[in-house]
Amino acid sequence: MRSELMPLGAKGVIAVNRILVVANPHSAPIKRAVHRAREEGLVVNMTYGGKVESVILLDSGHVVLAPFGPGEIIERLRDWREGGST
């Protein structure tokens, strides 16, 4: 399977074909998923010291902490798929 990479912030990229869920980090089920992933060493923090605005669950079991809200990530995905800038 070929990975399609999209910039996520100034310093990182994400494989968009591996994304299952983009969620608000404040719900209890997402907090539990982050906690479990942290225990298993599967958390990727892409905030670079900033605030976690969304959580992205990948099909590999990894959990990505992102500095943009879910709406902005979805908009970036849409723009990226249409060939625009992110």
Protein backbone atom coordinates (compact mmCIF):
# COMPACT_ATOMS: atom_id res chain seq x y z
CA MET A 1 0.00 0.00 0.00
CA ARG A 2 1.35 3.41 -1.00
CA SER A 3 1.16 6.11 1.68
CA GLU A 4 -0.11 9.55 0.75
CA LEU A 5 1.60 12.11 2.98
CA MET A 6 0.04 15.45 3.90
CA PRO A 7 1.79 18.20 5.88
CA LEU A 8 0.47 18.51 9.42
CA GLY A 9 1.94 21.67 10.82
CA ALA A 10 5.30 23.14 9.94
CA LYS A 11 7.39 20.17 10.98
CA GLY A 12 5.48 16.97 10.27
CA VAL A 13 3.45 14.92 7.84
CA ILE A 14 0.73 12.32 8.25
CA ALA A 15 -0.23 9.34 6.09
CA VAL A 16 -3.76 10.33 5.15
CA ASN A 17 -4.75 6.86 3.95
CA ARG A 18 -4.14 5.53 7.49
CA ILE A 19 -6.52 7.97 9.26
CA LEU A 20 -9.59 6.37 10.86
CA VAL A 21 -10.84 9.14 13.15
CA VAL A 22 -10.24 12.84 13.76
CA ALA A 23 -11.72 13.75 17.13
CA ASN A 24 -11.97 16.38 19.84
CA PRO A 25 -9.46 15.53 22.61
CA HIS A 26 -11.88 16.34 25.44
CA SER A 27 -14.31 13.41 25.21
CA ALA A 28 -13.89 10.58 27.71
CA PRO A 29 -13.53 7.79 25.09
CA ILE A 30 -10.79 9.71 23.27
CA LYS A 31 -9.01 10.46 26.55
CA ARG A 32 -9.07 6.71 27.31
CA ALA A 33 -7.73 5.89 23.84
CA VAL A 34 -4.86 8.37 24.32
CA HIS A 35 -4.10 6.96 27.78
CA ARG A 36 -4.03 3.36 26.44
CA ALA A 37 -1.87 4.34 23.48
CA ARG A 38 0.53 6.23 25.76
CA GLU A 39 0.94 3.09 27.91
CA GLU A 40 1.71 1.07 24.75
CA GLY A 41 4.13 3.67 23.34
CA LEU A 42 1.88 4.46 20.38
CA VAL A 43 1.35 8.20 20.88
CA VAL A 44 2.87 10.60 18.35
CA ASN A 45 2.80 14.16 19.64
CA MET A 46 2.88 16.60 16.72
CA THR A 47 2.05 19.71 18.76
CA TYR A 48 5.72 20.58 19.38
CA GLY A 49 4.91 21.85 22.85
CA GLY A 50 1.62 23.49 21.93
CA LYS A 51 -1.92 22.66 22.97
CA VAL A 52 -3.57 19.45 21.75
CA GLU A 53 -6.55 20.56 19.66
CA SER A 54 -7.44 17.19 18.11
CA VAL A 55 -6.61 13.51 18.26
CA ILE A 56 -6.14 11.42 15.14
CA LEU A 57 -6.53 7.65 15.38
CA LEU A 58 -4.65 5.64 12.77
CA ASP A 59 -5.34 2.12 11.52
CA SER A 60 -1.97 1.02 12.95
CA GLY A 61 -3.16 1.74 16.51
CA HIS A 62 -1.08 4.90 16.74
CA VAL A 63 -2.65 8.03 18.20
CA VAL A 64 -1.53 11.40 16.83
CA LEU A 65 -1.91 14.52 18.97
CA ALA A 66 -2.39 17.48 16.63
CA PRO A 67 -2.18 21.24 17.15
CA PHE A 68 -5.23 21.99 14.95
CA GLY A 69 -8.91 21.43 15.67
CA PRO A 70 -10.82 18.62 13.92
CA GLY A 71 -12.55 21.09 11.58
CA GLU A 72 -9.26 22.58 10.44
CA ILE A 73 -7.73 19.14 9.86
CA ILE A 74 -10.73 18.07 7.77
CA GLU A 75 -10.44 21.32 5.79
CA ARG A 76 -6.71 20.72 5.24
CA LEU A 77 -7.45 17.16 4.10
CA ARG A 78 -10.07 18.44 1.66
CA ASP A 79 -7.71 21.11 0.29
CA TRP A 80 -4.86 18.61 0.02
CA ARG A 81 -7.00 16.10 -1.85
CA GLU A 82 -8.09 18.83 -4.29
CA GLY A 83 -4.46 19.73 -4.90
CA GLY A 84 -4.49 23.02 -3.04
CA SER A 85 -2.09 24.24 -0.40
CA THR A 86 -2.36 23.25 3.25
